[in-house]
Amino acid sequence: MTRTLEWTVDMELVEEDGRTKAEARLRTGNSSLTGHGSARCNPGDVDVPAIGDELAASRAMKDLAGKLMREANREMEAVGAGTVPQHTGPGYGWPEAVS
């Protein structure tokens, strides 16, 4: 079975007084999640706005990814699939059968 979906992530960046704030919004068609991130320019560093944008945006996407993973974990547990302990796997999936 082939299935094709398109999810959209919108990123909003606001810079004010040496601080950049980012908000990443994921829309899946039937739900939405929002991640937040920020960056600030150290007063001793050269102000390069693109670096602040990249840092804030990446932190917002990391926050968004964590929220998406937690949602997937909740949904897997609801259908009987547990999460794999972090030390034995990637932190998700069907638990291995115990012999």
N, C-alpha and C. Protein backbone atom coordinates (compact mmCIF):
# COMPACT_ATOMS: atom_id res chain seq x y z
N MET A 1 0.84 -1.18 0.00
CA MET A 1 0.00 0.00 0.00
C MET A 1 0.88 1.24 0.00
N THR A 2 0.68 2.10 -0.96
CA THR A 2 1.41 3.36 -1.03
C THR A 2 0.56 4.47 -0.45
N ARG A 3 1.20 5.30 0.34
CA ARG A 3 0.50 6.41 0.99
C ARG A 3 1.38 7.64 0.90
N THR A 4 0.82 8.72 0.45
CA THR A 4 1.58 9.96 0.33
C THR A 4 0.88 11.05 1.14
N LEU A 5 1.65 11.71 1.98
CA LEU A 5 1.13 12.81 2.80
C LEU A 5 2.04 14.01 2.61
N GLU A 6 1.49 15.17 2.86
CA GLU A 6 2.30 16.38 2.87
C GLU A 6 2.02 17.13 4.16
N TRP A 7 3.05 17.31 4.94
CA TRP A 7 2.94 18.08 6.17
C TRP A 7 3.69 19.39 5.95
N THR A 8 3.18 20.46 6.52
CA THR A 8 3.78 21.78 6.34
C THR A 8 4.29 22.30 7.68
N VAL A 9 5.51 22.80 7.68
CA VAL A 9 6.07 23.47 8.85
C VAL A 9 6.26 24.94 8.48
N ASP A 10 5.64 25.82 9.26
CA ASP A 10 5.83 27.26 9.09
C ASP A 10 6.78 27.73 10.19
N MET A 11 7.72 28.59 9.82
CA MET A 11 8.68 29.11 10.78
C MET A 11 8.52 30.62 10.83
N GLU A 12 8.33 31.14 12.02
CA GLU A 12 8.26 32.59 12.21
C GLU A 12 9.43 33.00 13.08
N LEU A 13 10.19 34.00 12.61
CA LEU A 13 11.35 34.51 13.34
C LEU A 13 11.14 35.98 13.66
N VAL A 14 11.44 36.35 14.90
CA VAL A 14 11.33 37.75 15.32
C VAL A 14 12.62 38.11 16.04
N GLU A 15 13.27 39.18 15.57
CA GLU A 15 14.50 39.65 16.21
C GLU A 15 14.24 40.99 16.87
N GLU A 16 14.66 41.08 18.13
CA GLU A 16 14.48 42.32 18.87
C GLU A 16 15.52 42.41 19.97
N ASP A 17 16.23 43.54 20.02
CA ASP A 17 17.21 43.81 21.07
C ASP A 17 18.24 42.68 21.22
N GLY A 18 18.79 42.19 20.11
CA GLY A 18 19.83 41.17 20.17
C GLY A 18 19.34 39.77 20.46
N ARG A 19 18.05 39.56 20.49
CA ARG A 19 17.47 38.23 20.76
C ARG A 19 16.58 37.85 19.59
N THR A 20 16.73 36.61 19.13
CA THR A 20 15.89 36.09 18.06
C THR A 20 15.01 35.00 18.65
N LYS A 21 13.71 35.10 18.39
CA LYS A 21 12.76 34.08 18.83
C LYS A 21 12.18 33.41 17.59
N ALA A 22 12.00 32.10 17.69
CA ALA A 22 11.45 31.34 16.56
C ALA A 22 10.28 30.49 17.04
N GLU A 23 9.31 30.36 16.16
CA GLU A 23 8.16 29.49 16.42
C GLU A 23 7.96 28.64 15.17
N ALA A 24 8.06 27.32 15.35
CA ALA A 24 7.85 26.37 14.26
C ALA A 24 6.49 25.71 14.46
N ARG A 25 5.64 25.80 13.45
CA ARG A 25 4.30 25.22 13.54
C ARG A 25 4.15 24.12 12.50
N LEU A 26 3.84 22.90 12.96
CA LEU A 26 3.62 21.76 12.08
C LEU A 26 2.13 21.51 11.95
N ARG A 27 1.65 21.45 10.72
CA ARG A 27 0.25 21.11 10.45
C ARG A 27 0.23 19.80 9.69
N THR A 28 -0.47 18.79 10.26
CA THR A 28 -0.51 17.47 9.64
C THR A 28 -1.81 17.22 8.90
N GLY A 29 -2.70 18.15 8.91
CA GLY A 29 -4.00 17.96 8.28
C GLY A 29 -5.09 17.75 9.31
N ASN A 30 -4.79 16.97 10.36
CA ASN A 30 -5.79 16.76 11.40
C ASN A 30 -5.30 17.20 12.79
N SER A 31 -4.08 17.70 12.87
CA SER A 31 -3.59 18.23 14.14
C SER A 31 -2.46 19.22 13.87
N SER A 32 -2.04 19.90 14.91
CA SER A 32 -0.91 20.81 14.79
C SER A 32 -0.10 20.81 16.08
N LEU A 33 1.18 21.05 15.94
CA LEU A 33 2.10 21.15 17.07
C LEU A 33 2.96 22.39 16.87
N THR A 34 3.43 22.97 17.97
CA THR A 34 4.26 24.17 17.90
C THR A 34 5.51 23.99 18.74
N GLY A 35 6.65 24.34 18.17
CA GLY A 35 7.92 24.32 18.88
C GLY A 35 8.47 25.73 18.99
N HIS A 36 9.23 25.97 20.07
CA HIS A 36 9.79 27.31 20.30
C HIS A 36 11.30 27.22 20.47
N GLY A 37 11.99 28.27 20.04
CA GLY A 37 13.43 28.36 20.23
C GLY A 37 13.84 29.81 20.27
N SER A 38 15.02 30.05 20.82
CA SER A 38 15.53 31.42 20.86
C SER A 38 17.05 31.42 20.83
N ALA A 39 17.60 32.56 20.51
CA ALA A 39 19.04 32.77 20.50
C ALA A 39 19.30 34.22 20.84
N ARG A 40 20.45 34.48 21.43
CA ARG A 40 20.81 35.86 21.71
C ARG A 40 22.26 36.07 21.34
N CYS A 41 22.55 37.26 20.96
CA CYS A 41 23.91 37.62 20.59
C CYS A 41 24.68 38.01 21.85
N ASN A 42 25.80 37.37 22.06
CA ASN A 42 26.67 37.73 23.16
C ASN A 42 27.17 39.15 22.90
N PRO A 43 27.09 40.04 23.90
CA PRO A 43 27.51 41.44 23.67
C PRO A 43 28.95 41.57 23.16
N GLY A 44 29.79 40.60 23.42
CA GLY A 44 31.18 40.67 22.96
C GLY A 44 31.38 40.13 21.56
N ASP A 45 30.36 39.54 20.97
CA ASP A 45 30.47 38.95 19.63
C ASP A 45 29.98 39.92 18.56
N VAL A 46 30.41 39.68 17.34
CA VAL A 46 29.93 40.43 16.19
C VAL A 46 28.48 40.01 15.95
N ASP A 47 27.60 40.97 15.71
CA ASP A 47 26.19 40.67 15.47
C ASP A 47 26.00 40.21 14.03
N VAL A 48 25.71 38.91 13.86
CA VAL A 48 25.44 38.34 12.54
C VAL A 48 24.02 37.77 12.62
N PRO A 49 23.02 38.53 12.17
CA PRO A 49 21.62 38.12 12.32
C PRO A 49 21.31 36.72 11.78
N ALA A 50 21.96 36.32 10.68
CA ALA A 50 21.68 35.00 10.10
C ALA A 50 22.01 33.88 11.08
N ILE A 51 23.05 34.06 11.89
CA ILE A 51 23.42 33.03 12.87
C ILE A 51 22.34 32.91 13.93
N GLY A 52 21.83 34.03 14.41
CA GLY A 52 20.74 34.00 15.38
C GLY A 52 19.50 33.34 14.81
N ASP A 53 19.21 33.64 13.54
CA ASP A 53 18.06 33.01 12.88
C ASP A 53 18.23 31.50 12.85
N GLU A 54 19.41 31.05 12.44
CA GLU A 54 19.67 29.61 12.32
C GLU A 54 19.61 28.91 13.67
N LEU A 55 20.19 29.52 14.68
CA LEU A 55 20.16 28.92 16.02
C LEU A 55 18.74 28.85 16.57
N ALA A 56 18.01 29.94 16.49
CA ALA A 56 16.64 29.97 17.02
C ALA A 56 15.75 29.00 16.26
N ALA A 57 15.87 28.97 14.93
CA ALA A 57 15.04 28.08 14.12
C ALA A 57 15.37 26.62 14.42
N SER A 58 16.65 26.28 14.52
CA SER A 58 17.01 24.88 14.80
C SER A 58 16.52 24.46 16.18
N ARG A 59 16.56 25.36 17.15
CA ARG A 59 16.07 25.03 18.49
C ARG A 59 14.55 24.86 18.48
N ALA A 60 13.85 25.66 17.69
CA ALA A 60 12.40 25.51 17.57
C ALA A 60 12.05 24.17 16.92
N MET A 61 12.82 23.79 15.88
CA MET A 61 12.55 22.51 15.23
C MET A 61 12.88 21.33 16.14
N LYS A 62 13.92 21.47 16.95
CA LYS A 62 14.27 20.41 17.91
C LYS A 62 13.15 20.26 18.93
N ASP A 63 12.62 21.37 19.42
CA ASP A 63 11.51 21.34 20.36
C ASP A 63 10.29 20.69 19.71
N LEU A 64 10.03 21.05 18.47
CA LEU A 64 8.91 20.49 17.71
C LEU A 64 9.09 18.98 17.52
N ALA A 65 10.29 18.55 17.17
CA ALA A 65 10.57 17.12 16.98
C ALA A 65 10.33 16.34 18.27
N GLY A 66 10.73 16.90 19.40
CA GLY A 66 10.49 16.23 20.69
C GLY A 66 9.01 16.09 20.98
N LYS A 67 8.25 17.12 20.68
CA LYS A 67 6.80 17.06 20.91
C LYS A 67 6.15 16.03 19.98
N LEU A 68 6.62 15.96 18.74
CA LEU A 68 6.08 14.98 17.79
C LEU A 68 6.40 13.56 18.24
N MET A 69 7.62 13.33 18.75
CA MET A 69 8.00 12.01 19.25
C MET A 69 7.16 11.63 20.48
N ARG A 70 6.94 12.57 21.38
CA ARG A 70 6.12 12.27 22.56
C ARG A 70 4.69 11.92 22.15
N GLU A 71 4.16 12.62 21.15
CA GLU A 71 2.81 12.32 20.66
C GLU A 71 2.78 10.93 20.04
N ALA A 72 3.79 10.58 19.25
CA ALA A 72 3.86 9.24 18.65
C ALA A 72 3.96 8.18 19.74
N ASN A 73 4.75 8.42 20.77
CA ASN A 73 4.86 7.47 21.88
C ASN A 73 3.51 7.26 22.57
N ARG A 74 2.78 8.35 22.81
CA ARG A 74 1.45 8.23 23.44
C ARG A 74 0.52 7.39 22.57
N GLU A 75 0.55 7.64 21.27
CA GLU A 75 -0.32 6.91 20.36
C GLU A 75 0.08 5.43 20.26
N MET A 76 1.39 5.14 20.27
CA MET A 76 1.83 3.75 20.23
C MET A 76 1.40 3.00 21.49
N GLU A 77 1.56 3.64 22.64
CA GLU A 77 1.14 3.01 23.89
C GLU A 77 -0.36 2.76 23.90
N ALA A 78 -1.13 3.66 23.29
CA ALA A 78 -2.59 3.50 23.24
C ALA A 78 -3.01 2.28 22.43
N VAL A 79 -2.18 1.86 21.47
CA VAL A 79 -2.52 0.68 20.67
C VAL A 79 -1.72 -0.55 21.08
N GLY A 80 -1.03 -0.47 22.21
CA GLY A 80 -0.34 -1.63 22.75
C GLY A 80 1.12 -1.76 22.39
N ALA A 81 1.67 -0.80 21.70
CA ALA A 81 3.10 -0.82 21.37
C ALA A 81 3.82 0.05 22.39
N GLY A 82 4.74 -0.53 23.13
CA GLY A 82 5.49 0.24 24.11
C GLY A 82 6.69 0.90 23.49
N THR A 83 7.32 1.77 24.23
CA THR A 83 8.55 2.40 23.76
C THR A 83 9.72 1.50 24.14
N VAL A 84 10.77 1.52 23.34
CA VAL A 84 11.97 0.74 23.61
C VAL A 84 12.85 1.57 24.53
N PRO A 85 13.39 0.98 25.61
CA PRO A 85 14.28 1.76 26.49
C PRO A 85 15.43 2.35 25.69
N GLN A 86 15.82 3.56 26.01
CA GLN A 86 16.84 4.28 25.24
C GLN A 86 18.15 3.51 25.12
N HIS A 87 18.54 2.75 26.14
CA HIS A 87 19.83 2.07 26.08
C HIS A 87 19.82 0.84 25.18
N THR A 88 18.66 0.38 24.72
CA THR A 88 18.61 -0.80 23.86
C THR A 88 18.13 -0.49 22.45
N GLY A 89 17.76 0.73 22.18
CA GLY A 89 17.25 1.04 20.85
C GLY A 89 17.04 2.52 20.68
N PRO A 90 16.39 2.87 19.61
CA PRO A 90 16.22 4.29 19.29
C PRO A 90 15.14 4.99 20.11
N GLY A 91 14.45 4.30 21.01
CA GLY A 91 13.45 4.95 21.85
C GLY A 91 12.05 4.83 21.33
N TYR A 92 11.81 3.96 20.36
CA TYR A 92 10.46 3.79 19.84
C TYR A 92 10.36 2.42 19.17
N GLY A 93 9.15 2.00 18.91
CA GLY A 93 8.93 0.75 18.19
C GLY A 93 8.23 -0.29 19.05
N TRP A 94 7.96 -1.44 18.42
CA TRP A 94 7.32 -2.53 19.12
C TRP A 94 8.34 -3.19 20.04
N PRO A 95 7.95 -3.51 21.28
CA PRO A 95 8.91 -4.16 22.18
C PRO A 95 9.25 -5.56 21.66
N GLU A 96 10.51 -5.96 21.89
CA GLU A 96 10.93 -7.28 21.47
C GLU A 96 10.33 -8.33 22.39
N ALA A 97 9.99 -9.48 21.81
CA ALA A 97 9.43 -10.58 22.61
C ALA A 97 10.50 -11.14 23.52
N VAL A 98 10.14 -11.44 24.74
CA VAL A 98 11.06 -12.02 25.70
C VAL A 98 10.92 -13.53 25.64
N SER A 99 12.05 -14.26 25.50
CA SER A 99 12.01 -15.72 25.41
C SER A 99 11.88 -16.36 26.76
